[in-house]
C-alpha atoms as a PDB file:
ATOM      1  CA  MET A   1      77.313  71.589 113.632  1.00  0.00           C
ATOM      2  CA  THR A   2      79.093  68.690 115.381  1.00  0.00           C
ATOM      3  CA  ASN A   3      82.169  66.921 114.044  1.00  0.00           C
ATOM      4  CA  GLY A   4      80.080  63.851 113.351  1.00  0.00           C
ATOM      5  CA  SER A   5      77.583  65.795 111.278  1.00  0.00           C
ATOM      6  CA  ARG A   6      80.398  67.638 109.467  1.00  0.00           C
ATOM      7  CA  GLU A   7      82.030  64.311 108.533  1.00  0.00           C
ATOM      8  CA  GLN A   8      78.708  63.020 107.307  1.00  0.00           C
ATOM      9  CA  HIS A   9      78.218  66.191 105.258  1.00  0.00           C
ATOM     10  CA  ASP A  10      81.698  65.851 103.739  1.00  0.00           C
ATOM     11  CA  ARG A  11      80.846  62.369 102.464  1.00  0.00           C
ATOM     12  CA  VAL A  12      77.982  63.650 100.290  1.00  0.00           C
ATOM     13  CA  PRO A  13      79.111  63.253  96.643  1.00  0.00           C
ATOM     14  CA  PRO A  14      79.316  66.294  94.384  1.00  0.00           C
ATOM     15  CA  ASP A  15      76.191  67.398  92.564  1.00  0.00           C
ATOM     16  CA  TYR A  16      77.404  66.108  89.210  1.00  0.00           C
ATOM     17  CA  ALA A  17      77.746  62.561  90.611  1.00  0.00           C
ATOM     18  CA  LEU A  18      74.169  62.574  91.840  1.00  0.00           C
ATOM     19  CA  GLY A  19      72.696  64.223  88.774  1.00  0.00           C
ATOM     20  CA  ASP A  20      69.889  66.738  88.706  1.00  0.00           C
ATOM     21  CA  ASP A  21      66.638  64.807  88.525  1.00  0.00           C
ATOM     22  CA  THR A  22      64.312  67.589  89.644  1.00  0.00           C
ATOM     23  CA  ASP A  23      62.900  68.014  86.176  1.00  0.00           C
ATOM     24  CA  ASP A  24      63.202  64.382  85.044  1.00  0.00           C
ATOM     25  CA  GLU A  25      59.472  63.967  84.648  1.00  0.00           C
ATOM     26  CA  ASP A  26      59.299  67.046  82.419  1.00  0.00           C
ATOM     27  CA  HIS A  27      62.136  65.870  80.180  1.00  0.00           C
ATOM     28  CA  GLU A  28      61.300  62.169  79.855  1.00  0.00           C
ATOM     29  CA  SER A  29      61.026  60.928  76.302  1.00  0.00           C
ATOM     30  CA  ASP A  30      59.696  57.647  75.036  1.00  0.00           C
ATOM     31  CA  ASP A  31      61.886  57.816  71.939  1.00  0.00           C
ATOM     32  CA  ASP A  32      65.297  58.962  73.192  1.00  0.00           C
ATOM     33  CA  GLU A  33      67.367  57.260  75.876  1.00  0.00           C
ATOM     34  CA  VAL A  34      69.165  59.608  78.230  1.00  0.00           C
ATOM     35  CA  ASP A  35      72.950  59.212  78.281  1.00  0.00           C
ATOM     36  CA  PRO A  36      73.821  58.310  81.908  1.00  0.00           C
ATOM     37  CA  LEU A  37      77.040  60.333  81.578  1.00  0.00           C
ATOM     38  CA  SER A  38      75.416  63.422  80.103  1.00  0.00           C
ATOM     39  CA  HIS A  39      75.320  65.235  83.453  1.00  0.00           C
ATOM     40  CA  LEU A  40      79.038  64.749  84.110  1.00  0.00           C
ATOM     41  CA  PRO A  41      81.778  67.225  83.215  1.00  0.00           C
ATOM     42  CA  THR A  42      83.804  66.214  80.162  1.00  0.00           C
ATOM     43  CA  TYR A  43      86.985  65.569  82.147  1.00  0.00           C
ATOM     44  CA  VAL A  44      85.078  63.142  84.443  1.00  0.00           C
ATOM     45  CA  VAL A  45      83.513  61.415  81.439  1.00  0.00           C
ATOM     46  CA  ARG A  46      87.027  60.666  80.123  1.00  0.00           C
ATOM     47  CA  ARG A  47      87.922  59.018  83.450  1.00  0.00           C
ATOM     48  CA  VAL A  48      84.744  56.929  83.409  1.00  0.00           C
ATOM     49  CA  GLU A  49      85.524  55.868  79.844  1.00  0.00           C
ATOM     50  CA  LYS A  50      88.930  54.678  81.065  1.00  0.00           C
ATOM     51  CA  LEU A  51      87.192  52.571  83.721  1.00  0.00           C
ATOM     52  CA  GLN A  52      84.974  51.135  81.011  1.00  0.00           C
ATOM     53  CA  GLU A  53      88.056  50.146  79.017  1.00  0.00           C
ATOM     54  CA  LEU A  54      89.465  48.364  82.070  1.00  0.00           C
ATOM     55  CA  ASP A  55      86.133  46.631  82.598  1.00  0.00           C
ATOM     56  CA  ALA A  56      86.120  45.469  78.970  1.00  0.00           C
ATOM     57  CA  ASP A  57      89.626  44.025  79.472  1.00  0.00           C
ATOM     58  CA  ARG A  58      88.365  42.196  82.547  1.00  0.00           C
ATOM     59  CA  GLU A  59      85.450  40.750  80.563  1.00  0.00           C
ATOM     60  CA  SER A  60      87.881  39.450  77.933  1.00  0.00           C
ATOM     61  CA  ILE A  61      89.928  37.704  80.612  1.00  0.00           C
ATOM     62  CA  MET A  62      86.763  36.229  82.154  1.00  0.00           C
ATOM     63  CA  GLU A  63      85.749  34.834  78.766  1.00  0.00           C
ATOM     64  CA  GLU A  64      89.064  33.002  78.553  1.00  0.00           C
ATOM     65  CA  TYR A  65      88.599  31.819  82.151  1.00  0.00           C
ATOM     66  CA  LEU A  66      85.169  30.379  81.350  1.00  0.00           C
ATOM     67  CA  LYS A  67      86.505  28.588  78.272  1.00  0.00           C
ATOM     68  CA  GLU A  68      89.333  27.026  80.270  1.00  0.00           C
ATOM     69  CA  ARG A  69      87.063  26.136  83.188  1.00  0.00           C
ATOM     70  CA  ALA A  70      84.514  24.524  80.868  1.00  0.00           C
ATOM     71  CA  ALA A  71      87.335  22.507  79.288  1.00  0.00           C
ATOM     72  CA  LEU A  72      88.581  21.485  82.751  1.00  0.00           C
ATOM     73  CA  GLU A  73      85.063  20.421  83.761  1.00  0.00           C
ATOM     74  CA  ARG A  74      84.811  18.284  80.599  1.00  0.00           C
ATOM     75  CA  LYS A  75      88.236  16.746  81.248  1.00  0.00           C
ATOM     76  CA  TYR A  76      87.370  15.500  84.716  1.00  0.00           C
ATOM     77  CA  SER A  77      83.827  14.543  83.725  1.00  0.00           C
ATOM     78  CA  THR A  78      85.421  12.281  81.109  1.00  0.00           C
ATOM     79  CA  LEU A  79      87.668  10.726  83.768  1.00  0.00           C
ATOM     80  CA  ILE A  80      84.742  10.156  86.158  1.00  0.00           C
ATOM     81  CA  LYS A  81      82.317   8.832  83.540  1.00  0.00           C
ATOM     82  CA  PRO A  82      83.686   5.217  83.527  1.00  0.00           C
ATOM     83  CA  LEU A  83      83.172   5.082  87.309  1.00  0.00           C
ATOM     84  CA  TYR A  84      79.551   6.152  86.938  1.00  0.00           C
ATOM     85  CA  GLU A  85      79.076   3.552  84.189  1.00  0.00           C
ATOM     86  CA  LYS A  86      80.501   0.841  86.452  1.00  0.00           C
ATOM     87  CA  ARG A  87      78.221   2.039  89.257  1.00  0.00           C
ATOM     88  CA  ALA A  88      75.191   1.664  86.994  1.00  0.00           C
ATOM     89  CA  GLU A  89      76.284  -1.868  86.068  1.00  0.00           C
ATOM     90  CA  VAL A  90      76.600  -2.838  89.747  1.00  0.00           C
ATOM     91  CA  ILE A  91      73.155  -1.380  90.496  1.00  0.00           C
ATOM     92  CA  ARG A  92      71.633  -3.354  87.603  1.00  0.00           C
ATOM     93  CA  GLY A  93      73.278  -6.547  88.851  1.00  0.00           C
ATOM     94  CA  GLU A  94      75.712  -7.076  85.991  1.00  0.00           C
ATOM     95  CA  HIS A  95      78.577  -7.768  88.421  1.00  0.00           C
ATOM     96  CA  ASP A  96      76.743  -9.903  90.956  1.00  0.00           C
ATOM     97  CA  GLU A  97      78.838 -12.959  90.120  1.00  0.00           C
ATOM     98  CA  SER A  98      82.183 -11.190  90.271  1.00  0.00           C
ATOM     99  CA  ILE A  99      81.493  -9.358  93.534  1.00  0.00           C
ATOM    100  CA  ALA A 100      82.261 -11.426  96.661  1.00  0.00           C
ATOM    101  CA  HIS A 101      79.289 -13.438  97.915  1.00  0.00           C
ATOM    102  CA  ALA A 102      78.185 -13.678 101.515  1.00  0.00           C
ATOM    103  CA  THR A 103      79.824 -16.301 103.725  1.00  0.00           C
ATOM    104  CA  PRO A 104      77.840 -19.469 104.638  1.00  0.00           C
ATOM    105  CA  ALA A 105      77.320 -18.092 108.164  1.00  0.00           C
ATOM    106  CA  GLU A 106      75.924 -14.838 106.800  1.00  0.00           C
ATOM    107  CA  ILE A 107      73.600 -16.725 104.488  1.00  0.00           C
ATOM    108  CA  GLN A 108      72.346 -18.876 107.377  1.00  0.00           C
ATOM    109  CA  ASN A 109      71.603 -15.807 109.479  1.00  0.00           C
ATOM    110  CA  SER A 110      69.710 -14.125 106.653  1.00  0.00           C
ATOM    111  CA  GLN A 111      66.102 -14.729 105.693  1.00  0.00           C
ATOM    112  CA  THR A 112      66.570 -17.832 103.578  1.00  0.00           C
ATOM    113  CA  ASP A 113      62.941 -17.853 102.470  1.00  0.00           C
ATOM    114  CA  GLU A 114      63.513 -14.711 100.386  1.00  0.00           C
ATOM    115  CA  GLU A 115      64.589 -15.076  96.779  1.00  0.00           C
ATOM    116  CA  ASN A 116      67.980 -13.766  95.749  1.00  0.00           C
ATOM    117  CA  VAL A 117      67.653 -10.322  94.197  1.00  0.00           C
ATOM    118  CA  THR A 118      69.602  -8.890  91.294  1.00  0.00           C
ATOM    119  CA  GLY A 119      71.759  -5.831  91.811  1.00  0.00           C
ATOM    120  CA  ILE A 120      70.532  -3.244  94.320  1.00  0.00           C
ATOM    121  CA  PRO A 121      66.732  -2.876  94.185  1.00  0.00           C
ATOM    122  CA  GLN A 122      65.257   0.619  94.556  1.00  0.00           C
ATOM    123  CA  PHE A 123      68.727   2.151  94.698  1.00  0.00           C
ATOM    124  CA  TRP A 124      67.799   5.441  93.034  1.00  0.00           C
ATOM    125  CA  ALA A 125      64.391   5.629  94.689  1.00  0.00           C
ATOM    126  CA  CYS A 126      66.050   5.414  98.126  1.00  0.00           C
ATOM    127  CA  ALA A 127      68.765   7.918  97.237  1.00  0.00           C
ATOM    128  CA  MET A 128      66.203  10.391  95.907  1.00  0.00           C
ATOM    129  CA  THR A 129      63.834  10.146  98.882  1.00  0.00           C
ATOM    130  CA  HIS A 130      66.712  10.818 101.309  1.00  0.00           C
ATOM    131  CA  MET A 131      67.362  14.161  99.558  1.00  0.00           C
ATOM    132  CA  GLU A 132      64.654  16.428 101.005  1.00  0.00           C
ATOM    133  CA  THR A 133      64.388  18.736  97.988  1.00  0.00           C
ATOM    134  CA  ILE A 134      63.559  15.754  95.773  1.00  0.00           C
ATOM    135  CA  GLY A 135      61.942  13.434  98.305  1.00  0.00           C
ATOM    136  CA  GLU A 136      59.107  15.846  99.099  1.00  0.00           C
ATOM    137  CA  LEU A 137      57.899  15.430  95.503  1.00  0.00           C
ATOM    138  CA  ILE A 138      57.837  11.622  95.553  1.00  0.00           C
ATOM    139  CA  THR A 139      54.593   9.766  96.298  1.00  0.00           C
ATOM    140  CA  GLU A 140      54.090   6.086  97.159  1.00  0.00           C
ATOM    141  CA  GLU A 141      52.936   5.436  93.598  1.00  0.00           C
ATOM    142  CA  ASP A 142      56.102   7.098  92.295  1.00  0.00           C
ATOM    143  CA  VAL A 143      58.292   4.748  94.339  1.00  0.00           C
ATOM    144  CA  ASP A 144      56.848   1.702  92.557  1.00  0.00           C
ATOM    145  CA  CYS A 145      57.630   3.308  89.204  1.00  0.00           C
ATOM    146  CA  LEU A 146      61.098   4.445  90.292  1.00  0.00           C
ATOM    147  CA  GLU A 147      62.019   0.805  90.944  1.00  0.00           C
ATOM    148  CA  HIS A 148      62.624   0.680  87.197  1.00  0.00           C
ATOM    149  CA  LEU A 149      65.045   3.637  87.230  1.00  0.00           C
ATOM    150  CA  GLN A 150      68.458   2.220  86.312  1.00  0.00           C
ATOM    151  CA  ASP A 151      70.694   5.273  86.097  1.00  0.00           C
ATOM    152  CA  ILE A 152      70.773   9.075  86.290  1.00  0.00           C
ATOM    153  CA  GLN A 153      73.351  11.070  84.365  1.00  0.00           C
ATOM    154  CA  CYS A 154      74.211  14.739  84.051  1.00  0.00           C
ATOM    155  CA  GLU A 155      76.073  16.191  81.085  1.00  0.00           C
ATOM    156  CA  ASP A 156      77.198  19.815  81.030  1.00  0.00           C
ATOM    157  CA  ASP A 157      77.048  21.733  77.761  1.00  0.00           C
ATOM    158  CA  GLU A 158      80.379  22.062  75.982  1.00  0.00           C
ATOM    159  CA  ASP A 159      80.498  25.809  76.646  1.00  0.00           C
ATOM    160  CA  GLY A 160      79.647  25.365  80.343  1.00  0.00           C
ATOM    161  CA  LYS A 161      76.448  27.379  79.990  1.00  0.00           C
ATOM    162  CA  GLY A 162      73.905  24.681  80.708  1.00  0.00           C
ATOM    163  CA  PHE A 163      73.369  21.000  81.452  1.00  0.00           C
ATOM    164  CA  THR A 164      71.098  18.057  80.695  1.00  0.00           C
ATOM    165  CA  LEU A 165      69.844  15.462  83.172  1.00  0.00           C
ATOM    166  CA  ARG A 166      68.997  12.007  81.825  1.00  0.00           C
ATOM    167  CA  PHE A 167      66.981   9.327  83.645  1.00  0.00           C
ATOM    168  CA  PHE A 168      67.302   5.814  82.192  1.00  0.00           C
ATOM    169  CA  PHE A 169      64.448   3.370  82.792  1.00  0.00           C
ATOM    170  CA  ALA A 170      64.093  -0.341  82.181  1.00  0.00           C
ATOM    171  CA  GLU A 171      60.987  -1.544  80.390  1.00  0.00           C
ATOM    172  CA  ASN A 172      58.079  -1.008  82.742  1.00  0.00           C
ATOM    173  CA  GLU A 173      54.296  -1.020  83.054  1.00  0.00           C
ATOM    174  CA  TYR A 174      53.982   2.774  83.380  1.00  0.00           C
ATOM    175  CA  PHE A 175      55.356   4.432  80.238  1.00  0.00           C
ATOM    176  CA  THR A 176      57.085   3.613  76.968  1.00  0.00           C
ATOM    177  CA  ASN A 177      59.962   6.125  77.268  1.00  0.00           C
ATOM    178  CA  THR A 178      63.349   4.575  78.002  1.00  0.00           C
ATOM    179  CA  VAL A 179      64.962   7.940  78.803  1.00  0.00           C
ATOM    180  CA  LEU A 180      63.437  11.038  80.420  1.00  0.00           C
ATOM    181  CA  THR A 181      65.423  14.280  80.090  1.00  0.00           C
ATOM    182  CA  LYS A 182      65.436  17.792  81.537  1.00  0.00           C
ATOM    183  CA  SER A 183      67.711  20.470  80.044  1.00  0.00           C
ATOM    184  CA  TYR A 184      68.672  23.892  81.387  1.00  0.00           C
ATOM    185  CA  GLN A 185      70.355  26.825  79.664  1.00  0.00           C
ATOM    186  CA  VAL A 186      72.154  28.839  82.357  1.00  0.00           C
ATOM    187  CA  PRO A 187      74.643  31.365  80.870  1.00  0.00           C
ATOM    188  CA  ASN A 188      76.205  32.125  84.281  1.00  0.00           C
ATOM    189  CA  LEU A 189      76.290  28.500  85.481  1.00  0.00           C
ATOM    190  CA  LEU A 190      80.028  28.512  86.265  1.00  0.00           C
ATOM    191  CA  VAL A 191      80.361  32.029  87.660  1.00  0.00           C
ATOM    192  CA  SER A 192      77.406  32.721  89.924  1.00  0.00           C
ATOM    193  CA  ASP A 193      75.383  31.105  92.704  1.00  0.00           C
ATOM    194  CA  GLU A 194      72.314  33.000  91.464  1.00  0.00           C
ATOM    195  CA  PRO A 195      71.286  31.302  88.203  1.00  0.00           C
ATOM    196  CA  MET A 196      70.269  33.367  85.199  1.00  0.00           C
ATOM    197  CA  ILE A 197      68.089  30.765  83.516  1.00  0.00           C
ATOM    198  CA  LYS A 198      67.518  31.329  79.827  1.00  0.00           C
ATOM    199  CA  ASN A 199      65.468  28.263  78.955  1.00  0.00           C
ATOM    200  CA  VAL A 200      64.249  24.902  80.258  1.00  0.00           C
ATOM    201  CA  GLU A 201      63.127  21.876  78.254  1.00  0.00           C
ATOM    202  CA  GLY A 202      61.413  18.805  79.681  1.00  0.00           C
ATOM    203  CA  THR A 203      60.072  15.508  78.354  1.00  0.00           C
ATOM    204  CA  LYS A 204      56.584  14.446  77.364  1.00  0.00           C
ATOM    205  CA  ILE A 205      55.979  11.138  79.114  1.00  0.00           C
ATOM    206  CA  ASP A 206      54.121   8.559  77.019  1.00  0.00           C
ATOM    207  CA  TRP A 207      51.971   6.934  79.698  1.00  0.00           C
ATOM    208  CA  LYS A 208      50.489   3.519  79.093  1.00  0.00           C
ATOM    209  CA  PRO A 209      46.687   3.191  79.383  1.00  0.00           C
ATOM    210  CA  ASP A 210      45.437   3.793  82.946  1.00  0.00           C
ATOM    211  CA  LYS A 211      49.009   4.085  84.272  1.00  0.00           C
ATOM    212  CA  CYS A 212      49.462   7.861  84.328  1.00  0.00           C
ATOM    213  CA  LEU A 213      50.884   9.069  87.651  1.00  0.00           C
ATOM    214  CA  THR A 214      50.540  12.810  87.008  1.00  0.00           C
ATOM    215  CA  HIS A 215      46.808  12.998  86.246  1.00  0.00           C
ATOM    216  CA  LYS A 216      43.689  11.141  87.259  1.00  0.00           C
ATOM    217  CA  LYS A 217      40.389  10.775  85.470  1.00  0.00           C
ATOM    218  CA  ILE A 218      37.429  12.516  87.063  1.00  0.00           C
ATOM    219  CA  THR A 219      33.956  11.484  85.943  1.00  0.00           C
ATOM    220  CA  LYS A 220      31.254  14.115  86.231  1.00  0.00           C
ATOM    221  CA  LYS A 221      27.602  14.157  85.315  1.00  0.00           C
ATOM    222  CA  GLN A 222      26.375  17.261  83.528  1.00  0.00           C
ATOM    223  CA  ARG A 223      22.752  18.224  83.048  1.00  0.00           C
ATOM    224  CA  GLY A 224      21.791  19.543  79.658  1.00  0.00           C
ATOM    225  CA  LYS A 225      20.429  23.037  79.077  1.00  0.00           C
ATOM    226  CA  GLY A 226      18.055  24.550  76.550  1.00  0.00           C
ATOM    227  CA  ARG A 227      16.665  21.962  74.145  1.00  0.00           C
ATOM    228  CA  HIS A 228      18.779  19.320  75.927  1.00  0.00           C
ATOM    229  CA  ALA A 229      17.212  20.135  79.281  1.00  0.00           C
ATOM    230  CA  GLY A 230      16.498  17.057  81.331  1.00  0.00           C
ATOM    231  CA  GLN A 231      19.239  15.051  79.666  1.00  0.00           C
ATOM    232  CA  VAL A 232      22.288  13.971  81.657  1.00  0.00           C
ATOM    233  CA  ARG A 233      25.623  13.221  80.081  1.00  0.00           C
ATOM    234  CA  THR A 234      28.843  11.871  81.556  1.00  0.00           C
ATOM    235  CA  ILE A 235      32.043  13.895  81.124  1.00  0.00           C
ATOM    236  CA  VAL A 236      35.546  12.555  81.795  1.00  0.00           C
ATOM    237  CA  GLN A 237      38.142  15.159  82.761  1.00  0.00           C
ATOM    238  CA  GLN A 238      41.864  14.947  83.553  1.00  0.00           C
ATOM    239  CA  GLU A 239      42.850  16.377  86.924  1.00  0.00           C
ATOM    240  CA  GLU A 240      46.498  16.868  87.924  1.00  0.00           C
ATOM    241  CA  LYS A 241      47.712  15.044  91.019  1.00  0.00           C
ATOM    242  CA  GLU A 242      50.906  15.140  93.034  1.00  0.00           C
ATOM    243  CA  SER A 243      53.789  13.202  91.526  1.00  0.00           C
ATOM    244  CA  PHE A 244      57.542  13.542  91.080  1.00  0.00           C
ATOM    245  CA  PHE A 245      56.996  12.992  87.361  1.00  0.00           C
ATOM    246  CA  ASN A 246      55.285  16.385  87.051  1.00  0.00           C
ATOM    247  CA  TRP A 247      58.806  17.798  87.323  1.00  0.00           C
ATOM    248  CA  PHE A 248      59.568  16.597  83.782  1.00  0.00           C
ATOM    249  CA  SER A 249      57.116  19.185  82.448  1.00  0.00           C
ATOM    250  CA  ALA A 250      59.208  22.338  82.150  1.00  0.00           C
ATOM    251  CA  PRO A 251      57.741  25.402  83.879  1.00  0.00           C
ATOM    252  CA  GLU A 252      57.244  28.449  81.713  1.00  0.00           C
ATOM    253  CA  LEU A 253      59.548  31.387  82.282  1.00  0.00           C
ATOM    254  CA  PRO A 254      57.444  34.425  83.214  1.00  0.00           C
ATOM    255  CA  SER A 255      59.577  36.578  80.900  1.00  0.00           C
ATOM    256  CA  LEU A 256      58.714  34.327  77.930  1.00  0.00           C
ATOM    257  CA  ASN A 257      54.990  34.325  78.603  1.00  0.00           C
ATOM    258  CA  PRO A 258      53.243  36.511  75.987  1.00  0.00           C
ATOM    259  CA  ASP A 259      50.597  37.440  78.584  1.00  0.00           C
ATOM    260  CA  VAL A 260      53.126  38.568  81.198  1.00  0.00           C
ATOM    261  CA  ASP A 261      51.993  42.207  80.888  1.00  0.00           C
ATOM    262  CA  GLU A 262      48.467  41.156  81.835  1.00  0.00           C
ATOM    263  CA  MET A 263      49.560  39.155  84.890  1.00  0.00           C
ATOM    264  CA  ASP A 264      49.267  40.631  88.337  1.00  0.00           C
ATOM    265  CA  GLU A 265      52.259  40.724  90.674  1.00  0.00           C
ATOM    266  CA  GLU A 266      51.004  37.760  92.704  1.00  0.00           C
ATOM    267  CA  GLU A 267      50.770  35.533  89.626  1.00  0.00           C
ATOM    268  CA  ILE A 268      54.267  36.516  88.471  1.00  0.00           C
ATOM    269  CA  GLU A 269      55.689  35.781  91.939  1.00  0.00           C
ATOM    270  CA  ARG A 270      53.955  32.381  91.934  1.00  0.00           C
ATOM    271  CA  LEU A 271      55.532  31.490  88.584  1.00  0.00           C
ATOM    272  CA  GLU A 272      58.953  32.673  89.736  1.00  0.00           C
ATOM    273  CA  GLU A 273      58.724  30.556  92.906  1.00  0.00           C
ATOM    274  CA  LEU A 274      57.678  27.565  90.814  1.00  0.00           C
ATOM    275  CA  PHE A 275      60.649  28.112  88.541  1.00  0.00           C
ATOM    276  CA  GLU A 276      63.105  28.459  91.433  1.00  0.00           C
ATOM    277  CA  SER A 277      61.757  25.261  93.010  1.00  0.00           C
ATOM    278  CA  ASP A 278      62.125  23.433  89.702  1.00  0.00           C
ATOM    279  CA  TYR A 279      65.765  24.524  89.388  1.00  0.00           C
ATOM    280  CA  ASP A 280      66.510  23.572  93.011  1.00  0.00           C
ATOM    281  CA  VAL A 281      65.485  19.991  92.173  1.00  0.00           C
ATOM    282  CA  ALA A 282      67.722  19.994  89.099  1.00  0.00           C
ATOM    283  CA  GLN A 283      70.707  21.210  91.128  1.00  0.00           C
ATOM    284  CA  ALA A 284      69.983  18.624  93.833  1.00  0.00           C
ATOM    285  CA  PHE A 285      70.463  15.925  91.192  1.00  0.00           C
ATOM    286  CA  ARG A 286      73.444  17.596  89.507  1.00  0.00           C
ATOM    287  CA  SER A 287      75.440  18.513  92.612  1.00  0.00           C
ATOM    288  CA  ASN A 288      74.376  15.906  95.168  1.00  0.00           C
ATOM    289  CA  VAL A 289      72.456  12.796  94.169  1.00  0.00           C
ATOM    290  CA  ILE A 290      74.427  11.925  91.025  1.00  0.00           C
ATOM    291  CA  PRO A 291      77.997  12.441  92.329  1.00  0.00           C
ATOM    292  CA  LYS A 292      77.251  11.072  95.834  1.00  0.00           C
ATOM    293  CA  ALA A 293      74.594   8.485  95.027  1.00  0.00           C
ATOM    294  CA  VAL A 294      75.764   5.745  97.404  1.00  0.00           C
ATOM    295  CA  GLY A 295      75.957   8.253 100.266  1.00  0.00           C
ATOM    296  CA  TRP A 296      72.351   9.293  99.709  1.00  0.00           C
ATOM    297  CA  PHE A 297      71.281   5.637  99.360  1.00  0.00           C
ATOM    298  CA  THR A 298      72.809   4.662 102.714  1.00  0.00           C
ATOM    299  CA  GLY A 299      71.683   7.896 104.367  1.00  0.00           C
ATOM    300  CA  LYS A 300      75.242   8.946 105.223  1.00  0.00           C
ATOM    301  CA  ALA A 301      75.085  11.972 102.938  1.00  0.00           C
ATOM    302  CA  MET A 302      71.772  13.004 104.477  1.00  0.00           C
ATOM    303  CA  GLN A 303      73.299  12.782 107.965  1.00  0.00           C
ATOM    304  CA  GLU A 304      76.331  14.815 106.895  1.00  0.00           C
ATOM    305  CA  ASP A 305      74.030  17.377 105.319  1.00  0.00           C
ATOM    306  CA  MET A 306      72.019  17.703 108.531  1.00  0.00           C
ATOM    307  CA  GLU A 307      75.187  17.993 110.621  1.00  0.00           C
ATOM    308  CA  GLY A 308      76.403  20.726 108.287  1.00  0.00           C
ATOM    309  CA  VAL A 309      73.164  22.659 108.686  1.00  0.00           C
ATOM    310  CA  MET A 310      73.265  22.281 112.458  1.00  0.00           C
ATOM    311  CA  GLY A 311      76.916  23.306 112.537  1.00  0.00           C
ATOM    312  CA  ASN A 312      76.187  26.434 110.534  1.00  0.00           C
ATOM    313  CA  GLY A 313      73.353  27.244 112.915  1.00  0.00           C
ATOM    314  CA  LEU A 314      75.616  26.900 115.955  1.00  0.00           C
ATOM    315  CA  ASN A 315      78.311  29.040 114.344  1.00  0.00           C
ATOM    316  CA  ALA A 316      75.754  31.741 113.603  1.00  0.00           C
ATOM    317  CA  THR A 317      74.561  31.638 117.235  1.00  0.00           C
ATOM    318  CA  ASP A 318      78.149  31.911 118.511  1.00  0.00           C
ATOM    319  CA  GLU A 319      78.783  34.927 116.287  1.00  0.00           C
ATOM    320  CA  GLU A 320      75.659  36.650 117.588  1.00  0.00           C
ATOM    321  CA  ASN A 321      76.790  36.039 121.186  1.00  0.00           C
END
């Protein structure tokens, strides 16, 4: 045996650490759970129990950390909120008169045949389309509707374990709702990059007649059967179509689906991908579009984002070389 193989052999943990699973199948029980420490010597169990005590102390400290961090998040959200409110007022045009007007020369060089506009038209629509994660969901029809979007807000739950997005709309020809919301319960929101989503709630949009952007009417002719043979009747069905506004319908968590045991692996994976995509859009609003709205409107944030991606790619290439 070589030194290398001897060193490798020495690293193999003792039998009690691995456990003896040769007869596991013979001893499995549906009623009794096997104690994971049952195969360890008593003196080792005491040491593991000490580690568990230390881990419990760590959890207590982390609970205090989360409470303080949630309070800190609320503190600075409160300080930032007036700025967001002022931003919304500027976008709506409530400060047009107080904000400096263009000089006579600038007015002369502009297209004088166009009417003066109020505020910043299509501000949120432009910002959203520049963010790829969101923009890929937006259709041309959506853009016309999003002209009426006046503000987007995000409010974290008091305990820091979730958040709610709110979209405020002016009166419009598409739906009667003035606010559309999407809420997420994420217990590990402040401590992990991998979300553990507990629940999602969306909004039912009250579409005005013939203005629905998420479904279209399909008219089909159906021939009768049996005693109705020879008769033809017209059936109107609703068929889903692509639209950003589909996002307001919360996807169903696979784990909460009562038929999950009957689903095949492919169907479960499809639902999980749908759920991940849904959450990516929510985080795009929460972490990018809302706090850096003007940057996404002008395209500066998009450029910086692309430069960051390219920079990371170059750094990865350099490391490989």
